[in-house]
Amino acid sequence: MAKSNAENMGKSPAKRKAKKEDTPLLEVVDTQNLVSDEPESSEVVDEVEKIPTVDPRNALNDLTGKEWLPETKSFFYQKGLGSKHPHAQIERLHPAPYSFQDIARLILFFTKEGNSVLDPFGGVGSTAKACALNGRICTSIELSPEWHDLSIKRLETEVEEGAAANHTFINADCIPTLKTFEDETFDFMVTSPPYWAILNKRADHKVKKGRVDKNLATNYSDKSNDLGNIAKYEVFLDTLANDVFKECGRVLREKKYMCIVVSDFRNKSEFISFHSDLIQRLSHIDAGNECELTLQGVKILAQNHKSLLPYGYPFAYVENIHHQYILIFRKTKKKGKGK
């Protein structure tokens, strides 16, 4: 199945630029007898220098220096296909999807082609789709049979027939499943976990208009082992940190990265700084083999397309939360344990 131009933008920048910046072959000419009034030109040297190359020391990704630099900004704008795009119809069935294009940027920076990527909260396969379009191999774990089936269907219809067979889709609880993986199996972990039980709260105007009126799901599942159904926030945080991400750290290869996409939220009248709470739980948590998870940065994923709603007006300040956080951790040797 042919891919749309929008989807092809998720492909490796190095590969895209190769088509635009191909340098014509230089003709070998005997210049011994050529006479010119012009000074010697450095055009050939300059042309060679313009050819994009990946530093041979770069063991992280397949980006050139020019492609690497802008990806180190502390923010970028969320990008999607648009709700009416034919390849956005499966994604929008999920109550909390994230864009495969945003995940593709992370995958392209934190992996090389052919590397293995883990998503313990696979949802409807945004990570799997980003991997499929960019030559990475995904292992996607999803508790809900509905979302699991849709993620496979998504690759078959939005990438190409047979694409799902190149990846591993597991319909199960990620907590016991992660324990079955051997140490240091994966090259990268990226996911967006449940934001506690916020999808179970009473539907506000935005949810009613955007999902209830359209008969779309408003929560992850009704399963008792769904982390989004844990009643107490502190229990949810501890479970997420110790039973999920600590295990993700164990199965991650040393010096490799994990990116966690989260958002802060309100619980009734209280603002919950979920991203900072999770950072506190995960910083320096044991990751096995004398390693730990160390925070490398926090990137803002700005959602500038979202509509403003008059929360609190005219009585109190209530924030329109139009960004997410990408928490970037690396598996490193504990201090004093390095070689």
C-alpha atoms as a PDB file:
ATOM      1  CA  MET A   1       0.000   0.000   0.000  1.00  0.00           C
ATOM      2  CA  ALA A   2       1.435   3.404  -0.927  1.00  0.00           C
ATOM      3  CA  LYS A   3       2.209   5.686   1.988  1.00  0.00           C
ATOM      4  CA  SER A   4       0.993   9.283   2.143  1.00  0.00           C
ATOM      5  CA  ASN A   5       3.394  12.209   1.987  1.00  0.00           C
ATOM      6  CA  ALA A   6       2.540  13.039   5.584  1.00  0.00           C
ATOM      7  CA  GLU A   7       3.575   9.597   6.723  1.00  0.00           C
ATOM      8  CA  ASN A   8       6.754   9.599   4.680  1.00  0.00           C
ATOM      9  CA  MET A   9       7.820  12.633   6.693  1.00  0.00           C
ATOM     10  CA  GLY A  10       8.333  10.222   9.588  1.00  0.00           C
ATOM     11  CA  LYS A  11      11.123   8.500   7.657  1.00  0.00           C
ATOM     12  CA  SER A  12      14.787   9.029   8.372  1.00  0.00           C
ATOM     13  CA  PRO A  13      15.878  12.624   7.643  1.00  0.00           C
ATOM     14  CA  ALA A  14      19.125  11.257   6.244  1.00  0.00           C
ATOM     15  CA  LYS A  15      17.180   9.206   3.697  1.00  0.00           C
ATOM     16  CA  ARG A  16      14.881  12.096   2.771  1.00  0.00           C
ATOM     17  CA  LYS A  17      17.745  14.500   2.238  1.00  0.00           C
ATOM     18  CA  ALA A  18      19.640  12.033   0.121  1.00  0.00           C
ATOM     19  CA  LYS A  19      17.060  12.494  -2.609  1.00  0.00           C
ATOM     20  CA  LYS A  20      17.217  16.287  -2.432  1.00  0.00           C
ATOM     21  CA  GLU A  21      20.939  16.687  -1.996  1.00  0.00           C
ATOM     22  CA  ASP A  22      22.371  13.981  -4.252  1.00  0.00           C
ATOM     23  CA  THR A  23      25.676  15.299  -5.590  1.00  0.00           C
ATOM     24  CA  PRO A  24      26.387  14.671  -9.286  1.00  0.00           C
ATOM     25  CA  LEU A  25      29.426  12.542 -10.025  1.00  0.00           C
ATOM     26  CA  LEU A  26      32.525  14.661 -10.625  1.00  0.00           C
ATOM     27  CA  GLU A  27      34.193  14.146 -14.013  1.00  0.00           C
ATOM     28  CA  VAL A  28      37.922  13.448 -13.825  1.00  0.00           C
ATOM     29  CA  VAL A  29      39.712  15.940 -16.113  1.00  0.00           C
ATOM     30  CA  ASP A  30      43.428  16.377 -16.855  1.00  0.00           C
ATOM     31  CA  THR A  31      43.994  19.978 -15.872  1.00  0.00           C
ATOM     32  CA  GLN A  32      47.722  20.100 -16.555  1.00  0.00           C
ATOM     33  CA  ASN A  33      47.314  21.953 -19.855  1.00  0.00           C
ATOM     34  CA  LEU A  34      44.266  24.056 -18.977  1.00  0.00           C
ATOM     35  CA  VAL A  35      44.837  27.799 -18.719  1.00  0.00           C
ATOM     36  CA  SER A  36      42.460  30.105 -16.906  1.00  0.00           C
ATOM     37  CA  ASP A  37      42.489  33.752 -15.917  1.00  0.00           C
ATOM     38  CA  GLU A  38      40.384  32.883 -12.852  1.00  0.00           C
ATOM     39  CA  PRO A  39      42.003  31.897  -9.535  1.00  0.00           C
ATOM     40  CA  GLU A  40      41.785  28.280  -8.447  1.00  0.00           C
ATOM     41  CA  SER A  41      38.302  27.446  -7.272  1.00  0.00           C
ATOM     42  CA  SER A  42      37.405  25.600  -4.091  1.00  0.00           C
ATOM     43  CA  GLU A  43      33.997  24.633  -5.485  1.00  0.00           C
ATOM     44  CA  VAL A  44      34.844  20.929  -5.640  1.00  0.00           C
ATOM     45  CA  VAL A  45      36.060  20.939  -2.034  1.00  0.00           C
ATOM     46  CA  ASP A  46      33.004  22.890  -0.909  1.00  0.00           C
ATOM     47  CA  GLU A  47      30.707  20.480  -2.753  1.00  0.00           C
ATOM     48  CA  VAL A  48      32.302  17.473  -1.047  1.00  0.00           C
ATOM     49  CA  GLU A  49      31.943  19.155   2.345  1.00  0.00           C
ATOM     50  CA  LYS A  50      28.221  19.633   1.730  1.00  0.00           C
ATOM     51  CA  ILE A  51      27.594  15.905   1.407  1.00  0.00           C
ATOM     52  CA  PRO A  52      25.841  14.909   4.667  1.00  0.00           C
ATOM     53  CA  THR A  53      27.656  12.209   6.601  1.00  0.00           C
ATOM     54  CA  VAL A  54      27.085  10.417   9.878  1.00  0.00           C
ATOM     55  CA  ASP A  55      30.003  10.689  12.271  1.00  0.00           C
ATOM     56  CA  PRO A  56      31.615   7.227  12.552  1.00  0.00           C
ATOM     57  CA  ARG A  57      31.702   7.726  16.328  1.00  0.00           C
ATOM     58  CA  ASN A  58      27.912   8.112  16.445  1.00  0.00           C
ATOM     59  CA  ALA A  59      26.657   4.919  18.066  1.00  0.00           C
ATOM     60  CA  LEU A  60      23.284   6.400  18.982  1.00  0.00           C
ATOM     61  CA  ASN A  61      21.495   7.179  15.712  1.00  0.00           C
ATOM     62  CA  ASP A  62      21.811   7.661  11.962  1.00  0.00           C
ATOM     63  CA  LEU A  63      21.664  11.466  12.000  1.00  0.00           C
ATOM     64  CA  THR A  64      24.199  13.872  10.602  1.00  0.00           C
ATOM     65  CA  GLY A  65      25.400  16.734  12.760  1.00  0.00           C
ATOM     66  CA  LYS A  66      23.036  19.100  10.961  1.00  0.00           C
ATOM     67  CA  GLU A  67      20.082  16.817  11.678  1.00  0.00           C
ATOM     68  CA  TRP A  68      21.179  16.139  15.261  1.00  0.00           C
ATOM     69  CA  LEU A  69      21.375  19.728  16.475  1.00  0.00           C
ATOM     70  CA  PRO A  70      17.698  20.854  16.182  1.00  0.00           C
ATOM     71  CA  GLU A  71      16.545  17.680  17.942  1.00  0.00           C
ATOM     72  CA  THR A  72      18.336  18.856  21.112  1.00  0.00           C
ATOM     73  CA  LYS A  73      15.939  21.768  21.570  1.00  0.00           C
ATOM     74  CA  SER A  74      13.975  21.534  24.813  1.00  0.00           C
ATOM     75  CA  PHE A  75      10.649  21.707  22.965  1.00  0.00           C
ATOM     76  CA  PHE A  76       8.886  20.864  19.744  1.00  0.00           C
ATOM     77  CA  TYR A  77       5.350  21.263  18.445  1.00  0.00           C
ATOM     78  CA  GLN A  78       3.014  18.300  18.336  1.00  0.00           C
ATOM     79  CA  LYS A  79       2.288  17.130  14.827  1.00  0.00           C
ATOM     80  CA  GLY A  80      -0.601  15.003  13.607  1.00  0.00           C
ATOM     81  CA  LEU A  81      -2.402  14.062  10.431  1.00  0.00           C
ATOM     82  CA  GLY A  82      -5.621  15.849  11.401  1.00  0.00           C
ATOM     83  CA  SER A  83      -8.806  14.206  12.646  1.00  0.00           C
ATOM     84  CA  LYS A  84     -10.299  13.855   9.145  1.00  0.00           C
ATOM     85  CA  HIS A  85      -7.305  12.128   7.587  1.00  0.00           C
ATOM     86  CA  PRO A  86      -8.161   8.533   6.599  1.00  0.00           C
ATOM     87  CA  HIS A  87      -5.134   7.266   8.526  1.00  0.00           C
ATOM     88  CA  ALA A  88      -6.242   9.016  11.712  1.00  0.00           C
ATOM     89  CA  GLN A  89      -9.484   7.097  12.101  1.00  0.00           C
ATOM     90  CA  ILE A  90      -8.108   4.170  14.132  1.00  0.00           C
ATOM     91  CA  GLU A  91      -5.975   6.439  16.289  1.00  0.00           C
ATOM     92  CA  ARG A  92      -8.934   8.627  17.286  1.00  0.00           C
ATOM     93  CA  LEU A  93     -10.856   5.619  18.614  1.00  0.00           C
ATOM     94  CA  HIS A  94      -8.456   5.525  21.578  1.00  0.00           C
ATOM     95  CA  PRO A  95      -9.283   7.967  24.432  1.00  0.00           C
ATOM     96  CA  ALA A  96      -5.665   9.118  24.821  1.00  0.00           C
ATOM     97  CA  PRO A  97      -3.632   8.516  21.643  1.00  0.00           C
ATOM     98  CA  TYR A  98      -0.337  10.129  20.792  1.00  0.00           C
ATOM     99  CA  SER A  99       0.972  10.992  17.353  1.00  0.00           C
ATOM    100  CA  PHE A 100       3.156   8.449  15.574  1.00  0.00           C
ATOM    101  CA  GLN A 101       4.930  11.413  13.967  1.00  0.00           C
ATOM    102  CA  ASP A 102       6.022  12.753  17.356  1.00  0.00           C
ATOM    103  CA  ILE A 103       7.200   9.311  18.420  1.00  0.00           C
ATOM    104  CA  ALA A 104       9.068   8.944  15.123  1.00  0.00           C
ATOM    105  CA  ARG A 105      11.204  11.970  16.016  1.00  0.00           C
ATOM    106  CA  LEU A 106      12.233  10.302  19.269  1.00  0.00           C
ATOM    107  CA  ILE A 107      12.854   6.955  17.593  1.00  0.00           C
ATOM    108  CA  LEU A 108      15.002   8.537  14.898  1.00  0.00           C
ATOM    109  CA  PHE A 109      17.122  10.312  17.503  1.00  0.00           C
ATOM    110  CA  PHE A 110      17.524   7.535  20.072  1.00  0.00           C
ATOM    111  CA  THR A 111      17.977   4.508  17.777  1.00  0.00           C
ATOM    112  CA  LYS A 112      19.679   3.289  14.652  1.00  0.00           C
ATOM    113  CA  GLU A 113      17.905   1.470  11.845  1.00  0.00           C
ATOM    114  CA  GLY A 114      17.185  -2.125  12.842  1.00  0.00           C
ATOM    115  CA  ASN A 115      17.217  -1.400  16.594  1.00  0.00           C
ATOM    116  CA  SER A 116      14.581  -2.818  18.958  1.00  0.00           C
ATOM    117  CA  VAL A 117      11.998  -0.560  20.618  1.00  0.00           C
ATOM    118  CA  LEU A 118       9.741  -1.392  23.585  1.00  0.00           C
ATOM    119  CA  ASP A 119       6.359   0.179  24.360  1.00  0.00           C
ATOM    120  CA  PRO A 120       4.777  -1.300  27.513  1.00  0.00           C
ATOM    121  CA  PHE A 121       1.532   0.670  26.988  1.00  0.00           C
ATOM    122  CA  GLY A 122       1.071   0.009  23.290  1.00  0.00           C
ATOM    123  CA  GLY A 123      -2.423   1.444  22.869  1.00  0.00           C
ATOM    124  CA  VAL A 124      -3.450   1.524  19.209  1.00  0.00           C
ATOM    125  CA  GLY A 125       0.093   1.129  17.942  1.00  0.00           C
ATOM    126  CA  SER A 126       1.516   4.626  17.451  1.00  0.00           C
ATOM    127  CA  THR A 127       4.980   3.437  18.470  1.00  0.00           C
ATOM    128  CA  ALA A 128       4.665   0.326  16.306  1.00  0.00           C
ATOM    129  CA  LYS A 129       3.640   2.437  13.304  1.00  0.00           C
ATOM    130  CA  ALA A 130       6.539   4.836  13.820  1.00  0.00           C
ATOM    131  CA  CYS A 131       8.900   1.853  13.974  1.00  0.00           C
ATOM    132  CA  ALA A 132       7.394   0.248  10.874  1.00  0.00           C
ATOM    133  CA  LEU A 133       7.824   3.426   8.848  1.00  0.00           C
ATOM    134  CA  ASN A 134      11.407   3.937   9.968  1.00  0.00           C
ATOM    135  CA  GLY A 135      13.023   0.514   9.933  1.00  0.00           C
ATOM    136  CA  ARG A 136      12.933  -0.238  13.663  1.00  0.00           C
ATOM    137  CA  ILE A 137      11.502  -3.345  15.352  1.00  0.00           C
ATOM    138  CA  CYS A 138       8.761  -2.797  17.942  1.00  0.00           C
ATOM    139  CA  THR A 139       7.553  -4.892  20.856  1.00  0.00           C
ATOM    140  CA  SER A 140       4.173  -3.515  21.887  1.00  0.00           C
ATOM    141  CA  ILE A 141       2.360  -4.670  25.041  1.00  0.00           C
ATOM    142  CA  GLU A 142      -1.312  -3.755  25.458  1.00  0.00           C
ATOM    143  CA  LEU A 143      -3.763  -4.879  28.143  1.00  0.00           C
ATOM    144  CA  SER A 144      -6.988  -4.230  26.210  1.00  0.00           C
ATOM    145  CA  PRO A 145      -7.914  -6.761  23.499  1.00  0.00           C
ATOM    146  CA  GLU A 146      -9.702  -3.986  21.613  1.00  0.00           C
ATOM    147  CA  TRP A 147      -6.685  -1.675  21.388  1.00  0.00           C
ATOM    148  CA  HIS A 148      -4.368  -4.624  20.752  1.00  0.00           C
ATOM    149  CA  ASP A 149      -6.409  -5.762  17.740  1.00  0.00           C
ATOM    150  CA  LEU A 150      -6.691  -2.223  16.397  1.00  0.00           C
ATOM    151  CA  SER A 151      -2.923  -1.700  16.605  1.00  0.00           C
ATOM    152  CA  ILE A 152      -2.349  -4.691  14.337  1.00  0.00           C
ATOM    153  CA  LYS A 153      -5.099  -3.559  11.973  1.00  0.00           C
ATOM    154  CA  ARG A 154      -3.549  -0.114  11.909  1.00  0.00           C
ATOM    155  CA  LEU A 155      -0.211  -1.342  10.593  1.00  0.00           C
ATOM    156  CA  GLU A 156      -1.911  -3.557   8.030  1.00  0.00           C
ATOM    157  CA  THR A 157      -4.051  -0.705   6.675  1.00  0.00           C
ATOM    158  CA  GLU A 158      -1.913   2.391   7.273  1.00  0.00           C
ATOM    159  CA  VAL A 159       1.558   1.008   6.518  1.00  0.00           C
ATOM    160  CA  GLU A 160       1.183  -2.007   4.242  1.00  0.00           C
ATOM    161  CA  GLU A 161      -0.258  -5.493   4.246  1.00  0.00           C
ATOM    162  CA  GLY A 162       2.000  -7.830   6.218  1.00  0.00           C
ATOM    163  CA  ALA A 163       3.699  -5.002   8.157  1.00  0.00           C
ATOM    164  CA  ALA A 164       2.456  -6.213  11.549  1.00  0.00           C
ATOM    165  CA  ALA A 165       4.274  -9.540  11.143  1.00  0.00           C
ATOM    166  CA  ASN A 166       7.605  -7.736  11.442  1.00  0.00           C
ATOM    167  CA  HIS A 167       6.803  -6.624  14.981  1.00  0.00           C
ATOM    168  CA  THR A 168       5.684  -8.242  18.223  1.00  0.00           C
ATOM    169  CA  PHE A 169       2.257  -7.429  19.638  1.00  0.00           C
ATOM    170  CA  ILE A 170       1.453  -8.850  23.074  1.00  0.00           C
ATOM    171  CA  ASN A 171      -2.086  -8.679  24.466  1.00  0.00           C
ATOM    172  CA  ALA A 172      -1.368  -8.887  28.196  1.00  0.00           C
ATOM    173  CA  ASP A 173      -0.675  -6.995  31.412  1.00  0.00           C
ATOM    174  CA  CYS A 174       2.740  -5.365  31.007  1.00  0.00           C
ATOM    175  CA  ILE A 175       3.754  -5.918  34.655  1.00  0.00           C
ATOM    176  CA  PRO A 176       4.090  -9.732  34.562  1.00  0.00           C
ATOM    177  CA  THR A 177       5.057  -9.639  30.871  1.00  0.00           C
ATOM    178  CA  LEU A 178       8.105  -7.427  31.441  1.00  0.00           C
ATOM    179  CA  LYS A 179       9.436  -9.947  33.955  1.00  0.00           C
ATOM    180  CA  THR A 180       9.636 -12.572  31.195  1.00  0.00           C
ATOM    181  CA  PHE A 181      12.167 -10.564  29.159  1.00  0.00           C
ATOM    182  CA  GLU A 182      15.881 -11.111  29.604  1.00  0.00           C
ATOM    183  CA  ASP A 183      18.145  -8.341  30.886  1.00  0.00           C
ATOM    184  CA  GLU A 184      19.285  -5.759  28.343  1.00  0.00           C
ATOM    185  CA  THR A 185      17.027  -6.867  25.485  1.00  0.00           C
ATOM    186  CA  PHE A 186      15.967  -3.511  24.010  1.00  0.00           C
ATOM    187  CA  ASP A 187      17.705  -0.498  22.487  1.00  0.00           C
ATOM    188  CA  PHE A 188      15.030   2.060  23.381  1.00  0.00           C
ATOM    189  CA  MET A 189      11.841   2.368  25.404  1.00  0.00           C
ATOM    190  CA  VAL A 190       9.175   4.944  24.592  1.00  0.00           C
ATOM    191  CA  THR A 191       5.612   5.105  25.850  1.00  0.00           C
ATOM    192  CA  SER A 192       2.822   7.238  27.246  1.00  0.00           C
ATOM    193  CA  PRO A 193       1.414   5.655  30.427  1.00  0.00           C
ATOM    194  CA  PRO A 194      -2.042   6.218  31.921  1.00  0.00           C
ATOM    195  CA  TYR A 195      -2.388   9.569  33.664  1.00  0.00           C
ATOM    196  CA  TRP A 196      -3.788   7.911  36.773  1.00  0.00           C
ATOM    197  CA  ALA A 197      -7.619   7.820  36.785  1.00  0.00           C
ATOM    198  CA  ILE A 198      -8.338  11.095  34.985  1.00  0.00           C
ATOM    199  CA  LEU A 199     -10.262   9.302  32.229  1.00  0.00           C
ATOM    200  CA  ASN A 200     -12.653   7.957  34.854  1.00  0.00           C
ATOM    201  CA  LYS A 201     -13.709  11.365  36.164  1.00  0.00           C
ATOM    202  CA  ARG A 202     -17.043  12.901  35.243  1.00  0.00           C
ATOM    203  CA  ALA A 203     -17.005  14.016  31.632  1.00  0.00           C
ATOM    204  CA  ASP A 204     -16.582  17.753  31.154  1.00  0.00           C
ATOM    205  CA  HIS A 205     -17.768  19.791  28.171  1.00  0.00           C
ATOM    206  CA  LYS A 206     -14.699  18.919  26.110  1.00  0.00           C
ATOM    207  CA  VAL A 207     -15.083  15.162  26.668  1.00  0.00           C
ATOM    208  CA  LYS A 208     -18.829  15.244  26.031  1.00  0.00           C
ATOM    209  CA  LYS A 209     -18.436  17.132  22.774  1.00  0.00           C
ATOM    210  CA  GLY A 210     -15.346  15.335  21.555  1.00  0.00           C
ATOM    211  CA  ARG A 211     -16.091  11.743  22.579  1.00  0.00           C
ATOM    212  CA  VAL A 212     -19.406  11.028  24.354  1.00  0.00           C
ATOM    213  CA  ASP A 213     -21.502  12.664  21.624  1.00  0.00           C
ATOM    214  CA  LYS A 214     -19.568  10.656  19.019  1.00  0.00           C
ATOM    215  CA  ASN A 215     -19.931   7.383  20.936  1.00  0.00           C
ATOM    216  CA  LEU A 216     -16.168   7.055  21.401  1.00  0.00           C
ATOM    217  CA  ALA A 217     -14.450   5.375  24.360  1.00  0.00           C
ATOM    218  CA  THR A 218     -13.708   7.660  27.307  1.00  0.00           C
ATOM    219  CA  ASN A 219     -11.453   5.371  29.371  1.00  0.00           C
ATOM    220  CA  TYR A 220      -8.743   2.780  28.780  1.00  0.00           C
ATOM    221  CA  SER A 221     -10.670  -0.235  30.085  1.00  0.00           C
ATOM    222  CA  ASP A 222     -12.712  -1.490  33.021  1.00  0.00           C
ATOM    223  CA  LYS A 223     -10.140  -4.119  34.005  1.00  0.00           C
ATOM    224  CA  SER A 224      -9.089  -4.249  37.647  1.00  0.00           C
ATOM    225  CA  ASN A 225      -5.408  -4.546  36.675  1.00  0.00           C
ATOM    226  CA  ASP A 226      -5.542  -1.438  34.489  1.00  0.00           C
ATOM    227  CA  LEU A 227      -3.276   1.168  36.097  1.00  0.00           C
ATOM    228  CA  GLY A 228      -5.803   3.823  35.089  1.00  0.00           C
ATOM    229  CA  ASN A 229      -8.271   2.265  37.534  1.00  0.00           C
ATOM    230  CA  ILE A 230      -6.078   2.453  40.659  1.00  0.00           C
ATOM    231  CA  ALA A 231      -7.968   4.520  43.242  1.00  0.00           C
ATOM    232  CA  LYS A 232      -5.087   6.183  45.134  1.00  0.00           C
ATOM    233  CA  TYR A 233      -2.577   8.393  43.347  1.00  0.00           C
ATOM    234  CA  GLU A 234       0.395   7.383  45.525  1.00  0.00           C
ATOM    235  CA  VAL A 235      -0.287   3.684  44.881  1.00  0.00           C
ATOM    236  CA  PHE A 236      -0.549   4.407  41.161  1.00  0.00           C
ATOM    237  CA  LEU A 237       2.803   6.238  41.161  1.00  0.00           C
ATOM    238  CA  ASP A 238       4.588   3.499  43.091  1.00  0.00           C
ATOM    239  CA  THR A 239       3.197   0.800  40.815  1.00  0.00           C
ATOM    240  CA  LEU A 240       4.126   2.704  37.677  1.00  0.00           C
ATOM    241  CA  ALA A 241       7.664   3.404  38.893  1.00  0.00           C
ATOM    242  CA  ASN A 242       8.568   0.124  40.594  1.00  0.00           C
ATOM    243  CA  ASP A 243       6.597  -2.471  38.641  1.00  0.00           C
ATOM    244  CA  VAL A 244       6.728  -0.957  35.158  1.00  0.00           C
ATOM    245  CA  PHE A 245       9.549   1.508  34.541  1.00  0.00           C
ATOM    246  CA  LYS A 246      12.065  -0.132  36.860  1.00  0.00           C
ATOM    247  CA  GLU A 247      11.537  -3.334  34.853  1.00  0.00           C
ATOM    248  CA  CYS A 248      11.794  -1.382  31.607  1.00  0.00           C
ATOM    249  CA  GLY A 249      15.155  -0.163  32.864  1.00  0.00           C
ATOM    250  CA  ARG A 250      16.281  -3.708  33.530  1.00  0.00           C
ATOM    251  CA  VAL A 251      15.441  -4.887  30.003  1.00  0.00           C
ATOM    252  CA  LEU A 252      17.023  -1.800  28.435  1.00  0.00           C
ATOM    253  CA  ARG A 253      20.623  -2.088  27.253  1.00  0.00           C
ATOM    254  CA  GLU A 254      23.272  -0.122  29.134  1.00  0.00           C
ATOM    255  CA  LYS A 255      23.756   3.487  27.954  1.00  0.00           C
ATOM    256  CA  LYS A 256      20.452   3.361  26.074  1.00  0.00           C
ATOM    257  CA  TYR A 257      17.515   5.712  26.621  1.00  0.00           C
ATOM    258  CA  MET A 258      13.873   5.679  27.635  1.00  0.00           C
ATOM    259  CA  CYS A 259      11.354   8.439  26.890  1.00  0.00           C
ATOM    260  CA  ILE A 260       8.122   8.769  28.842  1.00  0.00           C
ATOM    261  CA  VAL A 261       5.417  11.089  27.490  1.00  0.00           C
ATOM    262  CA  VAL A 262       3.212  12.466  30.270  1.00  0.00           C
ATOM    263  CA  SER A 263       1.039  15.422  31.146  1.00  0.00           C
ATOM    264  CA  ASP A 264       0.111  17.146  34.374  1.00  0.00           C
ATOM    265  CA  PHE A 265      -3.591  17.252  35.219  1.00  0.00           C
ATOM    266  CA  ARG A 266      -6.195  18.416  37.682  1.00  0.00           C
ATOM    267  CA  ASN A 267      -7.878  16.226  40.246  1.00  0.00           C
ATOM    268  CA  LYS A 268     -10.969  18.164  41.251  1.00  0.00           C
ATOM    269  CA  SER A 269      -9.583  21.504  42.514  1.00  0.00           C
ATOM    270  CA  GLU A 270      -5.959  20.336  42.869  1.00  0.00           C
ATOM    271  CA  PHE A 271      -3.280  20.597  40.195  1.00  0.00           C
ATOM    272  CA  ILE A 272      -1.228  17.390  40.020  1.00  0.00           C
ATOM    273  CA  SER A 273       2.353  17.782  38.807  1.00  0.00           C
ATOM    274  CA  PHE A 274       2.521  14.243  37.461  1.00  0.00           C
ATOM    275  CA  HIS A 275       5.723  14.751  35.481  1.00  0.00           C
ATOM    276  CA  SER A 276       7.727  15.952  38.496  1.00  0.00           C
ATOM    277  CA  ASP A 277       6.285  13.268  40.770  1.00  0.00           C
ATOM    278  CA  LEU A 278       7.361  10.607  38.280  1.00  0.00           C
ATOM    279  CA  ILE A 279      10.834  12.124  37.953  1.00  0.00           C
ATOM    280  CA  GLN A 280      11.273  11.934  41.714  1.00  0.00           C
ATOM    281  CA  ARG A 281      10.253   8.269  41.727  1.00  0.00           C
ATOM    282  CA  LEU A 282      12.502   7.264  38.819  1.00  0.00           C
ATOM    283  CA  SER A 283      15.680   9.288  39.291  1.00  0.00           C
ATOM    284  CA  HIS A 284      18.489   6.874  40.265  1.00  0.00           C
ATOM    285  CA  ILE A 285      16.117   3.926  40.557  1.00  0.00           C
ATOM    286  CA  ASP A 286      17.908   0.589  40.283  1.00  0.00           C
ATOM    287  CA  ALA A 287      17.922  -0.771  36.718  1.00  0.00           C
ATOM    288  CA  GLY A 288      19.875  -3.991  37.270  1.00  0.00           C
ATOM    289  CA  ASN A 289      23.453  -4.979  36.406  1.00  0.00           C
ATOM    290  CA  GLU A 290      24.805  -2.256  38.715  1.00  0.00           C
ATOM    291  CA  CYS A 291      22.992   0.394  36.654  1.00  0.00           C
ATOM    292  CA  GLU A 292      20.413   3.074  37.415  1.00  0.00           C
ATOM    293  CA  LEU A 293      18.131   5.431  35.517  1.00  0.00           C
ATOM    294  CA  THR A 294      19.450   8.982  35.341  1.00  0.00           C
ATOM    295  CA  LEU A 295      17.471  11.952  34.076  1.00  0.00           C
ATOM    296  CA  GLN A 296      18.997  13.482  30.939  1.00  0.00           C
ATOM    297  CA  GLY A 297      16.418  16.121  30.109  1.00  0.00           C
ATOM    298  CA  VAL A 298      12.778  17.145  29.935  1.00  0.00           C
ATOM    299  CA  LYS A 299      11.383  18.137  26.554  1.00  0.00           C
ATOM    300  CA  ILE A 300       8.154  20.093  26.114  1.00  0.00           C
ATOM    301  CA  LEU A 301       5.712  18.789  23.511  1.00  0.00           C
ATOM    302  CA  ALA A 302       3.601  21.858  22.751  1.00  0.00           C
ATOM    303  CA  GLN A 303      -0.015  21.318  21.667  1.00  0.00           C
ATOM    304  CA  ASN A 304      -0.650  24.662  20.013  1.00  0.00           C
ATOM    305  CA  HIS A 305      -3.612  23.358  18.008  1.00  0.00           C
ATOM    306  CA  LYS A 306      -5.890  22.750  21.002  1.00  0.00           C
ATOM    307  CA  SER A 307      -8.881  24.992  21.633  1.00  0.00           C
ATOM    308  CA  LEU A 308      -8.994  27.296  24.641  1.00  0.00           C
ATOM    309  CA  LEU A 309     -11.873  26.717  27.045  1.00  0.00           C
ATOM    310  CA  PRO A 310     -13.034  29.225  29.700  1.00  0.00           C
ATOM    311  CA  TYR A 311     -12.160  27.076  32.727  1.00  0.00           C
ATOM    312  CA  GLY A 312     -12.644  29.041  35.963  1.00  0.00           C
ATOM    313  CA  TYR A 313     -13.883  32.216  34.297  1.00  0.00           C
ATOM    314  CA  PRO A 314     -14.628  34.668  35.864  1.00  0.00           C
ATOM    315  CA  PHE A 315     -13.802  33.377  39.331  1.00  0.00           C
ATOM    316  CA  ALA A 316     -10.448  31.594  39.453  1.00  0.00           C
ATOM    317  CA  TYR A 317      -7.360  30.649  37.475  1.00  0.00           C
ATOM    318  CA  VAL A 318      -7.732  27.206  35.908  1.00  0.00           C
ATOM    319  CA  GLU A 319      -5.077  26.316  33.381  1.00  0.00           C
ATOM    320  CA  ASN A 320      -5.654  25.141  29.837  1.00  0.00           C
ATOM    321  CA  ILE A 321      -2.984  22.431  29.742  1.00  0.00           C
ATOM    322  CA  HIS A 322      -1.694  22.531  26.174  1.00  0.00           C
ATOM    323  CA  HIS A 323       1.571  20.674  26.453  1.00  0.00           C
ATOM    324  CA  GLN A 324       3.038  17.364  27.472  1.00  0.00           C
ATOM    325  CA  TYR A 325       6.420  16.467  28.921  1.00  0.00           C
ATOM    326  CA  ILE A 326       8.878  13.991  27.469  1.00  0.00           C
ATOM    327  CA  LEU A 327      10.989  12.651  30.341  1.00  0.00           C
ATOM    328  CA  ILE A 328      14.314  11.432  28.994  1.00  0.00           C
ATOM    329  CA  PHE A 329      16.206   8.882  31.109  1.00  0.00           C
ATOM    330  CA  ARG A 330      19.363   6.936  30.387  1.00  0.00           C
ATOM    331  CA  LYS A 331      20.548   3.616  31.817  1.00  0.00           C
ATOM    332  CA  THR A 332      23.972   4.347  33.302  1.00  0.00           C
ATOM    333  CA  LYS A 333      26.400   2.664  35.654  1.00  0.00           C
ATOM    334  CA  LYS A 334      25.927   3.627  39.296  1.00  0.00           C
ATOM    335  CA  LYS A 335      28.614   5.940  40.581  1.00  0.00           C
ATOM    336  CA  GLY A 336      31.659   3.972  41.628  1.00  0.00           C
ATOM    337  CA  LYS A 337      30.548   0.984  39.529  1.00  0.00           C
ATOM    338  CA  GLY A 338      31.885   2.116  36.151  1.00  0.00           C
ATOM    339  CA  LYS A 339      34.755   0.488  34.370  1.00  0.00           C
END
